[in-house]
Each structure stands twice: as C-alpha cells, then as structure tokens.
Amino acid sequence: RGEDVRKELHIGEGMVGYLLGRHASTKQWIERVSGAYLVIKTRRLMIEIHGSKSDVERGELMIDILLRQKSCSPKLVDVPAMAARKDTRLIHMDELETHRILGVRGQTLRRLQM
C-alpha cells in the first residue's frame, strides 16, 4: 500500500458540520470513495487526511469540491486536470441534462454517490 501520508486542511467556520453530514454520512462517504481516513478537529477548524498518497489526494480533491459547492464558487473543477487523472472519469453531457443527474433537491445525485 505504500507509506502513509498525513495532510492538514484548514476549513472555514460553519463548514465542519457540512463536511460531517447527518450522522457523519458525508465524512463516511468521503472516506469510502477516497480510501483516506479523516479526522475532523472541530475546535481547530481543521481536517486531517490520512492514507496513501493517492488516497489523501483523492480525499483532498473531494473536500475541495464539496467546499466550493457549498460556497457557490463559480469554478468548481479544473476539467483538464480531472480528465488527466486515472482515478476519475469525465462524462460530457448537455447542460439541459444536469437536472436528471441532480434530481429533485439532489436526491438522484445522493443515490449515485452512495
């Protein structure tokens, strides 16, 4: 598996609960998909990401995307960088089709994530 890596990310106030999710569901989803282990330090507004180098990179990427979505950042993803990754798959679709992926209040997207 390689050497374990640890990375610290500082997060804004109000984002701890968002990244934890109801009953820690968001945290568990990030861990399951990325392969990394997360330690959320609520008082220090910090997340430690533990795992192999690639697991930590995936975990950091997922956290970054989630935080950008929450803050309504206009540029969510660097598409060329994502397309170059071996652990992701880029799907091109018409703008009008996004509502089918998201579903009502994001329910379809959540089911796909799980």
C-alpha atoms as a PDB file:
ATOM      1  CA  ARG A   1       0.000   0.000   0.000  1.00  0.00           C
ATOM      2  CA  GLY A   2       2.941   2.334   0.386  1.00  0.00           C
ATOM      3  CA  GLU A   3       3.847   4.845   3.000  1.00  0.00           C
ATOM      4  CA  ASP A   4       1.106   6.602   4.935  1.00  0.00           C
ATOM      5  CA  VAL A   5       0.763  10.320   4.353  1.00  0.00           C
ATOM      6  CA  ARG A   6      -0.944  12.918   6.543  1.00  0.00           C
ATOM      7  CA  LYS A   7      -2.235  16.276   5.340  1.00  0.00           C
ATOM      8  CA  GLU A   8      -3.953  19.038   7.282  1.00  0.00           C
ATOM      9  CA  LEU A   9      -6.620  21.273   5.761  1.00  0.00           C
ATOM     10  CA  HIS A  10      -7.962  24.354   7.494  1.00  0.00           C
ATOM     11  CA  ILE A  11     -11.650  24.913   6.879  1.00  0.00           C
ATOM     12  CA  GLY A  12     -13.911  27.877   7.430  1.00  0.00           C
ATOM     13  CA  GLU A  13     -16.313  28.271  10.288  1.00  0.00           C
ATOM     14  CA  GLY A  14     -19.637  26.638   9.547  1.00  0.00           C
ATOM     15  CA  MET A  15     -18.091  24.058   7.209  1.00  0.00           C
ATOM     16  CA  VAL A  16     -17.367  21.411   9.871  1.00  0.00           C
ATOM     17  CA  GLY A  17     -20.997  20.347  10.111  1.00  0.00           C
ATOM     18  CA  TYR A  18     -21.328  20.412   6.333  1.00  0.00           C
ATOM     19  CA  LEU A  19     -18.352  18.066   5.875  1.00  0.00           C
ATOM     20  CA  LEU A  20     -19.510  15.784   8.678  1.00  0.00           C
ATOM     21  CA  GLY A  21     -23.043  15.489   7.363  1.00  0.00           C
ATOM     22  CA  ARG A  22     -26.021  13.995   9.156  1.00  0.00           C
ATOM     23  CA  HIS A  23     -24.805  11.131  11.358  1.00  0.00           C
ATOM     24  CA  ALA A  24     -21.307  11.652   9.831  1.00  0.00           C
ATOM     25  CA  SER A  25     -22.628  10.411   6.471  1.00  0.00           C
ATOM     26  CA  THR A  26     -20.626  12.887   4.351  1.00  0.00           C
ATOM     27  CA  LYS A  27     -17.397  12.085   6.210  1.00  0.00           C
ATOM     28  CA  GLN A  28     -18.013   8.353   5.766  1.00  0.00           C
ATOM     29  CA  TRP A  29     -18.788   8.824   2.070  1.00  0.00           C
ATOM     30  CA  ILE A  30     -15.520  10.746   1.519  1.00  0.00           C
ATOM     31  CA  GLU A  31     -13.590   8.022   3.354  1.00  0.00           C
ATOM     32  CA  ARG A  32     -15.278   5.208   1.406  1.00  0.00           C
ATOM     33  CA  VAL A  33     -14.775   6.772  -2.024  1.00  0.00           C
ATOM     34  CA  SER A  34     -11.293   8.227  -1.491  1.00  0.00           C
ATOM     35  CA  GLY A  35      -9.821   5.437   0.628  1.00  0.00           C
ATOM     36  CA  ALA A  36      -8.447   8.033   3.068  1.00  0.00           C
ATOM     37  CA  TYR A  37      -9.217   8.318   6.787  1.00  0.00           C
ATOM     38  CA  LEU A  38     -10.473  11.698   8.030  1.00  0.00           C
ATOM     39  CA  VAL A  39     -10.050  13.217  11.471  1.00  0.00           C
ATOM     40  CA  ILE A  40     -12.180  16.331  11.869  1.00  0.00           C
ATOM     41  CA  LYS A  41     -10.978  18.630  14.639  1.00  0.00           C
ATOM     42  CA  THR A  42     -13.971  20.865  15.228  1.00  0.00           C
ATOM     43  CA  ARG A  43     -12.408  23.312  17.691  1.00  0.00           C
ATOM     44  CA  ARG A  44      -9.387  23.955  15.485  1.00  0.00           C
ATOM     45  CA  LEU A  45     -11.468  24.076  12.263  1.00  0.00           C
ATOM     46  CA  MET A  46      -9.136  21.528  10.728  1.00  0.00           C
ATOM     47  CA  ILE A  47      -9.353  18.212   8.908  1.00  0.00           C
ATOM     48  CA  GLU A  48      -6.520  15.691   8.918  1.00  0.00           C
ATOM     49  CA  ILE A  49      -6.470  13.341   5.951  1.00  0.00           C
ATOM     50  CA  HIS A  50      -4.546  10.073   6.442  1.00  0.00           C
ATOM     51  CA  GLY A  51      -3.737   7.329   3.949  1.00  0.00           C
ATOM     52  CA  SER A  52      -1.596   6.547   0.950  1.00  0.00           C
ATOM     53  CA  LYS A  53      -0.505   9.471  -1.198  1.00  0.00           C
ATOM     54  CA  SER A  54      -3.205   8.800  -3.805  1.00  0.00           C
ATOM     55  CA  ASP A  55      -5.908   8.301  -1.138  1.00  0.00           C
ATOM     56  CA  VAL A  56      -5.004  11.606   0.517  1.00  0.00           C
ATOM     57  CA  GLU A  57      -5.019  13.399  -2.858  1.00  0.00           C
ATOM     58  CA  ARG A  58      -8.484  11.988  -3.652  1.00  0.00           C
ATOM     59  CA  GLY A  59      -9.778  12.936  -0.204  1.00  0.00           C
ATOM     60  CA  GLU A  60      -8.421  16.461  -0.537  1.00  0.00           C
ATOM     61  CA  LEU A  61      -9.967  16.793  -4.010  1.00  0.00           C
ATOM     62  CA  MET A  62     -13.379  15.647  -2.762  1.00  0.00           C
ATOM     63  CA  ILE A  63     -13.280  18.024   0.208  1.00  0.00           C
ATOM     64  CA  ASP A  64     -12.218  20.892  -2.049  1.00  0.00           C
ATOM     65  CA  ILE A  65     -15.094  20.241  -4.466  1.00  0.00           C
ATOM     66  CA  LEU A  66     -17.639  19.970  -1.634  1.00  0.00           C
ATOM     67  CA  LEU A  67     -16.443  23.214  -0.050  1.00  0.00           C
ATOM     68  CA  ARG A  68     -16.562  25.015  -3.408  1.00  0.00           C
ATOM     69  CA  GLN A  69     -20.109  23.761  -3.974  1.00  0.00           C
ATOM     70  CA  LYS A  70     -21.160  24.987  -0.531  1.00  0.00           C
ATOM     71  CA  SER A  71     -19.641  28.429  -1.076  1.00  0.00           C
ATOM     72  CA  CYS A  72     -21.134  28.646  -4.606  1.00  0.00           C
ATOM     73  CA  SER A  73     -17.707  29.153  -6.139  1.00  0.00           C
ATOM     74  CA  PRO A  74     -18.121  29.819  -9.870  1.00  0.00           C
ATOM     75  CA  LYS A  75     -15.335  27.438 -10.910  1.00  0.00           C
ATOM     76  CA  LEU A  76     -15.937  24.076  -9.310  1.00  0.00           C
ATOM     77  CA  VAL A  77     -13.477  21.814 -11.091  1.00  0.00           C
ATOM     78  CA  ASP A  78     -10.365  22.153 -13.231  1.00  0.00           C
ATOM     79  CA  VAL A  79     -11.691  19.984 -16.077  1.00  0.00           C
ATOM     80  CA  PRO A  80      -8.363  19.321 -17.869  1.00  0.00           C
ATOM     81  CA  ALA A  81      -6.736  18.266 -14.584  1.00  0.00           C
ATOM     82  CA  MET A  82      -9.658  15.957 -13.781  1.00  0.00           C
ATOM     83  CA  ALA A  83      -9.568  14.423 -17.264  1.00  0.00           C
ATOM     84  CA  ALA A  84      -5.864  13.654 -16.838  1.00  0.00           C
ATOM     85  CA  ARG A  85      -6.411  11.726 -13.573  1.00  0.00           C
ATOM     86  CA  LYS A  86      -6.508   7.929 -13.753  1.00  0.00           C
ATOM     87  CA  ASP A  87      -8.883   7.586 -10.796  1.00  0.00           C
ATOM     88  CA  THR A  88     -11.695   9.724 -12.229  1.00  0.00           C
ATOM     89  CA  ARG A  89     -13.903   9.563 -15.280  1.00  0.00           C
ATOM     90  CA  LEU A  90     -15.167  12.634 -17.064  1.00  0.00           C
ATOM     91  CA  ILE A  91     -18.637  12.434 -18.572  1.00  0.00           C
ATOM     92  CA  HIS A  92     -19.682  15.104 -21.077  1.00  0.00           C
ATOM     93  CA  MET A  93     -23.352  15.961 -21.117  1.00  0.00           C
ATOM     94  CA  ASP A  94     -25.715  18.628 -22.332  1.00  0.00           C
ATOM     95  CA  GLU A  95     -26.467  21.407 -19.828  1.00  0.00           C
ATOM     96  CA  LEU A  96     -30.152  20.589 -20.024  1.00  0.00           C
ATOM     97  CA  GLU A  97     -29.483  17.044 -18.792  1.00  0.00           C
ATOM     98  CA  THR A  98     -27.985  18.100 -15.437  1.00  0.00           C
ATOM     99  CA  HIS A  99     -31.416  18.171 -13.795  1.00  0.00           C
ATOM    100  CA  ARG A 100     -31.735  14.425 -14.422  1.00  0.00           C
ATOM    101  CA  ILE A 101     -28.442  13.738 -12.637  1.00  0.00           C
ATOM    102  CA  LEU A 102     -29.244  16.042  -9.722  1.00  0.00           C
ATOM    103  CA  GLY A 103     -32.878  15.017  -9.326  1.00  0.00           C
ATOM    104  CA  VAL A 104     -35.387  16.743  -7.082  1.00  0.00           C
ATOM    105  CA  ARG A 105     -33.432  18.524  -4.303  1.00  0.00           C
ATOM    106  CA  GLY A 106     -30.331  16.477  -5.242  1.00  0.00           C
ATOM    107  CA  GLN A 107     -31.847  13.090  -4.383  1.00  0.00           C
ATOM    108  CA  THR A 108     -30.673  11.302  -7.545  1.00  0.00           C
ATOM    109  CA  LEU A 109     -27.119  12.584  -7.107  1.00  0.00           C
ATOM    110  CA  ARG A 110     -27.064  11.418  -3.467  1.00  0.00           C
ATOM    111  CA  ARG A 111     -28.232   7.941  -4.514  1.00  0.00           C
ATOM    112  CA  LEU A 112     -25.486   7.781  -7.140  1.00  0.00           C
ATOM    113  CA  GLN A 113     -22.899   8.837  -4.565  1.00  0.00           C
ATOM    114  CA  MET A 114     -23.937   6.088  -2.193  1.00  0.00           C
END
